[in-house]
PDB file of N, CA and C in Angstrom:
ATOM      1  N   MET A   1      21.907 -33.523  -9.297  1.00  0.00           N
ATOM      2  CA  MET A   1      20.874 -32.651  -9.387  1.00  0.00           C
ATOM      3  C   MET A   1      21.429 -31.269  -9.291  1.00  0.00           C
ATOM      4  N   PRO A   2      21.357 -30.207 -10.029  1.00  0.00           N
ATOM      5  CA  PRO A   2      21.993 -29.038 -10.047  1.00  0.00           C
ATOM      6  C   PRO A   2      21.674 -28.129  -8.836  1.00  0.00           C
ATOM      7  N   ARG A   3      22.691 -27.513  -8.426  1.00  0.00           N
ATOM      8  CA  ARG A   3      22.436 -26.674  -7.042  1.00  0.00           C
ATOM      9  C   ARG A   3      21.337 -25.485  -7.593  1.00  0.00           C
ATOM     10  N   SER A   4      20.565 -24.945  -6.654  1.00  0.00           N
ATOM     11  CA  SER A   4      19.684 -23.732  -7.054  1.00  0.00           C
ATOM     12  C   SER A   4      20.566 -22.481  -6.740  1.00  0.00           C
ATOM     13  N   HIS A   5      20.412 -21.478  -7.490  1.00  0.00           N
ATOM     14  CA  HIS A   5      21.148 -20.406  -7.500  1.00  0.00           C
ATOM     15  C   HIS A   5      20.503 -19.427  -6.586  1.00  0.00           C
ATOM     16  N   PRO A   6      21.311 -18.685  -5.548  1.00  0.00           N
ATOM     17  CA  PRO A   6      20.817 -17.869  -4.583  1.00  0.00           C
ATOM     18  C   PRO A   6      19.888 -16.723  -5.173  1.00  0.00           C
ATOM     19  N   TRP A   7      20.115 -16.140  -6.302  1.00  0.00           N
ATOM     20  CA  TRP A   7      19.257 -15.316  -6.960  1.00  0.00           C
ATOM     21  C   TRP A   7      18.016 -15.704  -7.201  1.00  0.00           C
ATOM     22  N   ALA A   8      17.785 -16.985  -7.569  1.00  0.00           N
ATOM     23  CA  ALA A   8      16.395 -17.264  -7.919  1.00  0.00           C
ATOM     24  C   ALA A   8      15.699 -17.252  -6.715  1.00  0.00           C
ATOM     25  N   LEU A   9      16.302 -17.585  -5.462  1.00  0.00           N
ATOM     26  CA  LEU A   9      15.342 -17.299  -4.383  1.00  0.00           C
ATOM     27  C   LEU A   9      14.905 -15.749  -3.938  1.00  0.00           C
ATOM     28  N   VAL A  10      15.837 -15.097  -4.144  1.00  0.00           N
ATOM     29  CA  VAL A  10      15.683 -13.656  -3.959  1.00  0.00           C
ATOM     30  C   VAL A  10      14.811 -13.217  -4.866  1.00  0.00           C
ATOM     31  N   PHE A  11      14.658 -13.399  -6.186  1.00  0.00           N
ATOM     32  CA  PHE A  11      13.544 -13.112  -7.141  1.00  0.00           C
ATOM     33  C   PHE A  11      12.451 -13.577  -6.871  1.00  0.00           C
ATOM     34  N   GLY A  12      12.277 -14.820  -6.407  1.00  0.00           N
ATOM     35  CA  GLY A  12      11.149 -15.528  -6.285  1.00  0.00           C
ATOM     36  C   GLY A  12      10.552 -14.989  -4.972  1.00  0.00           C
ATOM     37  N   LEU A  13      11.078 -14.542  -3.974  1.00  0.00           N
ATOM     38  CA  LEU A  13      10.637 -13.842  -2.739  1.00  0.00           C
ATOM     39  C   LEU A  13      10.132 -12.672  -3.137  1.00  0.00           C
ATOM     40  N   LEU A  14      10.807 -11.844  -3.802  1.00  0.00           N
ATOM     41  CA  LEU A  14      10.307 -10.470  -4.290  1.00  0.00           C
ATOM     42  C   LEU A  14       9.076 -10.522  -5.178  1.00  0.00           C
ATOM     43  N   SER A  15       8.992 -11.559  -6.186  1.00  0.00           N
ATOM     44  CA  SER A  15       7.807 -11.778  -6.698  1.00  0.00           C
ATOM     45  C   SER A  15       6.607 -11.986  -6.003  1.00  0.00           C
ATOM     46  N   MET A  16       6.860 -12.954  -4.944  1.00  0.00           N
ATOM     47  CA  MET A  16       5.927 -13.194  -4.001  1.00  0.00           C
ATOM     48  C   MET A  16       5.172 -12.068  -3.285  1.00  0.00           C
ATOM     49  N   GLU A  17       6.297 -11.213  -2.725  1.00  0.00           N
ATOM     50  CA  GLU A  17       5.802 -10.115  -1.950  1.00  0.00           C
ATOM     51  C   GLU A  17       4.946  -9.186  -2.802  1.00  0.00           C
ATOM     52  N   HIS A  18       5.344  -9.164  -4.257  1.00  0.00           N
ATOM     53  CA  HIS A  18       4.654  -7.984  -5.094  1.00  0.00           C
ATOM     54  C   HIS A  18       3.226  -8.543  -5.228  1.00  0.00           C
ATOM     55  N   GLN A  19       3.107  -9.805  -5.242  1.00  0.00           N
ATOM     56  CA  GLN A  19       1.712 -10.508  -5.607  1.00  0.00           C
ATOM     57  C   GLN A  19       0.812 -10.211  -4.191  1.00  0.00           C
ATOM     58  N   VAL A  20       1.542 -10.545  -3.077  1.00  0.00           N
ATOM     59  CA  VAL A  20       0.910 -10.379  -2.028  1.00  0.00           C
ATOM     60  C   VAL A  20       0.351  -8.852  -1.644  1.00  0.00           C
ATOM     61  N   GLY A  21       1.260  -7.950  -1.781  1.00  0.00           N
ATOM     62  CA  GLY A  21       0.993  -6.441  -1.972  1.00  0.00           C
ATOM     63  C   GLY A  21      -0.107  -6.020  -2.871  1.00  0.00           C
ATOM     64  N   SER A  22       0.032  -6.769  -3.889  1.00  0.00           N
ATOM     65  CA  SER A  22      -1.219  -6.250  -4.694  1.00  0.00           C
ATOM     66  C   SER A  22      -2.564  -6.856  -4.444  1.00  0.00           C
ATOM     67  N   ALA A  23      -2.522  -7.943  -3.912  1.00  0.00           N
ATOM     68  CA  ALA A  23      -3.846  -8.511  -3.528  1.00  0.00           C
ATOM     69  C   ALA A  23      -4.327  -7.752  -2.223  1.00  0.00           C
ATOM     70  N   VAL A  24      -3.439  -7.343  -1.405  1.00  0.00           N
ATOM     71  CA  VAL A  24      -3.798  -6.698  -0.149  1.00  0.00           C
ATOM     72  C   VAL A  24      -4.249  -5.161  -0.656  1.00  0.00           C
ATOM     73  N   GLY A  25      -3.522  -4.619  -1.516  1.00  0.00           N
ATOM     74  CA  GLY A  25      -3.774  -3.228  -1.977  1.00  0.00           C
ATOM     75  C   GLY A  25      -5.141  -3.107  -2.480  1.00  0.00           C
ATOM     76  N   SER A  26      -5.526  -4.102  -3.217  1.00  0.00           N
ATOM     77  CA  SER A  26      -6.911  -4.144  -3.982  1.00  0.00           C
ATOM     78  C   SER A  26      -8.108  -4.824  -3.006  1.00  0.00           C
ATOM     79  N   TYR A  27      -7.712  -5.336  -1.936  1.00  0.00           N
ATOM     80  CA  TYR A  27      -8.628  -5.986  -1.094  1.00  0.00           C
ATOM     81  C   TYR A  27      -9.202  -4.937   0.032  1.00  0.00           C
ATOM     82  N   LEU A  28      -7.963  -4.305   0.610  1.00  0.00           N
ATOM     83  CA  LEU A  28      -8.376  -3.365   1.809  1.00  0.00           C
ATOM     84  C   LEU A  28      -9.492  -2.081   1.162  1.00  0.00           C
ATOM     85  N   PRO A  29      -9.276  -1.466   0.360  1.00  0.00           N
ATOM     86  CA  PRO A  29     -10.039  -0.548  -0.139  1.00  0.00           C
ATOM     87  C   PRO A  29     -11.482  -0.975  -0.313  1.00  0.00           C
ATOM     88  N   GLY A  30     -11.713  -2.180  -0.919  1.00  0.00           N
ATOM     89  CA  GLY A  30     -13.155  -2.733  -1.084  1.00  0.00           C
ATOM     90  C   GLY A  30     -13.674  -3.165   0.342  1.00  0.00           C
ATOM     91  N   LEU A  31     -12.858  -3.513   1.449  1.00  0.00           N
ATOM     92  CA  LEU A  31     -13.426  -3.811   2.568  1.00  0.00           C
ATOM     93  C   LEU A  31     -13.788  -2.518   3.220  1.00  0.00           C
ATOM     94  N   LEU A  32     -12.933  -1.481   3.260  1.00  0.00           N
ATOM     95  CA  LEU A  32     -13.136  -0.110   3.767  1.00  0.00           C
ATOM     96  C   LEU A  32     -14.652   0.400   3.071  1.00  0.00           C
ATOM     97  N   HIS A  33     -14.663   0.056   1.858  1.00  0.00           N
ATOM     98  CA  HIS A  33     -15.926   0.571   1.122  1.00  0.00           C
ATOM     99  C   HIS A  33     -17.108  -0.299   1.738  1.00  0.00           C
ATOM    100  N   ASP A  34     -16.932  -1.592   2.042  1.00  0.00           N
ATOM    101  CA  ASP A  34     -18.109  -2.302   2.507  1.00  0.00           C
ATOM    102  C   ASP A  34     -18.549  -1.881   3.840  1.00  0.00           C
ATOM    103  N   THR A  35     -17.324  -1.484   4.660  1.00  0.00           N
ATOM    104  CA  THR A  35     -17.585  -1.104   5.909  1.00  0.00           C
ATOM    105  C   THR A  35     -18.180   0.135   6.255  1.00  0.00           C
ATOM    106  N   THR A  36     -17.871   1.160   5.507  1.00  0.00           N
ATOM    107  CA  THR A  36     -18.354   2.400   5.710  1.00  0.00           C
ATOM    108  C   THR A  36     -19.205   2.909   4.535  1.00  0.00           C
ATOM    109  N   ALA A  37     -19.584   2.178   3.781  1.00  0.00           N
ATOM    110  CA  ALA A  37     -20.711   2.259   2.577  1.00  0.00           C
ATOM    111  C   ALA A  37     -20.428   3.741   1.863  1.00  0.00           C
ATOM    112  N   SER A  38     -18.971   4.020   1.822  1.00  0.00           N
ATOM    113  CA  SER A  38     -18.752   5.242   0.970  1.00  0.00           C
ATOM    114  C   SER A  38     -17.324   5.320   0.630  1.00  0.00           C
ATOM    115  N   HIS A  39     -16.748   5.822  -0.447  1.00  0.00           N
ATOM    116  CA  HIS A  39     -15.680   5.995  -0.930  1.00  0.00           C
ATOM    117  C   HIS A  39     -14.967   7.361  -0.143  1.00  0.00           C
ATOM    118  N   THR A  40     -15.803   8.332   0.201  1.00  0.00           N
ATOM    119  CA  THR A  40     -15.332   9.332   0.622  1.00  0.00           C
ATOM    120  C   THR A  40     -14.353   9.278   1.983  1.00  0.00           C
ATOM    121  N   ARG A  41     -14.908   8.588   2.927  1.00  0.00           N
ATOM    122  CA  ARG A  41     -14.158   8.838   4.112  1.00  0.00           C
ATOM    123  C   ARG A  41     -12.776   7.862   4.287  1.00  0.00           C
ATOM    124  N   PRO A  42     -12.727   6.650   3.591  1.00  0.00           N
ATOM    125  CA  PRO A  42     -11.704   6.044   3.401  1.00  0.00           C
ATOM    126  C   PRO A  42     -10.420   6.602   2.772  1.00  0.00           C
ATOM    127  N   CYS A  43     -10.964   7.050   1.530  1.00  0.00           N
ATOM    128  CA  CYS A  43     -10.045   7.754   0.637  1.00  0.00           C
ATOM    129  C   CYS A  43      -9.763   9.217   0.739  1.00  0.00           C
ATOM    130  N   SER A  44     -10.170   9.844   1.886  1.00  0.00           N
ATOM    131  CA  SER A  44      -9.896  11.261   1.810  1.00  0.00           C
ATOM    132  C   SER A  44      -8.876  11.502   2.691  1.00  0.00           C
ATOM    133  N   ALA A  45      -8.122  12.440   2.291  1.00  0.00           N
ATOM    134  CA  ALA A  45      -6.956  12.695   2.994  1.00  0.00           C
ATOM    135  C   ALA A  45      -7.140  13.941   4.122  1.00  0.00           C
ATOM    136  N   PRO A  46      -6.379  14.077   5.209  1.00  0.00           N
ATOM    137  CA  PRO A  46      -6.728  15.062   6.234  1.00  0.00           C
ATOM    138  C   PRO A  46      -6.293  16.353   5.440  1.00  0.00           C
ATOM    139  N   PRO A  47      -6.904  17.596   5.820  1.00  0.00           N
ATOM    140  CA  PRO A  47      -6.566  18.891   5.245  1.00  0.00           C
ATOM    141  C   PRO A  47      -5.442  19.017   5.648  1.00  0.00           C
ATOM    142  N   PRO A  48      -4.280  19.602   4.725  1.00  0.00           N
ATOM    143  CA  PRO A  48      -3.067  20.164   4.983  1.00  0.00           C
ATOM    144  C   PRO A  48      -3.024  21.178   6.282  1.00  0.00           C
ATOM    145  N   ARG A  49      -2.116  20.936   7.061  1.00  0.00           N
ATOM    146  CA  ARG A  49      -1.894  21.976   8.232  1.00  0.00           C
ATOM    147  C   ARG A  49      -1.365  23.321   7.620  1.00  0.00           C
ATOM    148  N   SER A  50      -1.785  24.310   8.216  1.00  0.00           N
ATOM    149  CA  SER A  50      -1.518  25.827   7.869  1.00  0.00           C
ATOM    150  C   SER A  50      -0.009  25.986   8.425  1.00  0.00           C
ATOM    151  N   SER A  51       1.016  26.480   7.750  1.00  0.00           N
ATOM    152  CA  SER A  51       2.342  26.502   8.366  1.00  0.00           C
ATOM    153  C   SER A  51       2.100  27.954   9.017  1.00  0.00           C
ATOM    154  N   PRO A  52       2.940  28.033  10.294  1.00  0.00           N
ATOM    155  CA  PRO A  52       3.087  29.204  11.204  1.00  0.00           C
ATOM    156  C   PRO A  52       3.798  30.285  10.420  1.00  0.00           C
ATOM    157  N   ARG A  53       3.389  31.430  10.411  1.00  0.00           N
ATOM    158  CA  ARG A  53       4.217  32.475   9.969  1.00  0.00           C
ATOM    159  C   ARG A  53       5.016  33.331  11.001  1.00  0.00           C
TER     160      ARG A  53
END
């Protein structure tokens, strides 16, 4: 039986991490929308701070 190449494990883990990140990245905004019933609050960034002069 041939030995597994170590790069196969590295690329397999990277691929798995990418898929998990994609799933979480699409699930969390939907969960926030269901919880808050709005896209405004979860997707709004805080206002920028004014720089001191």
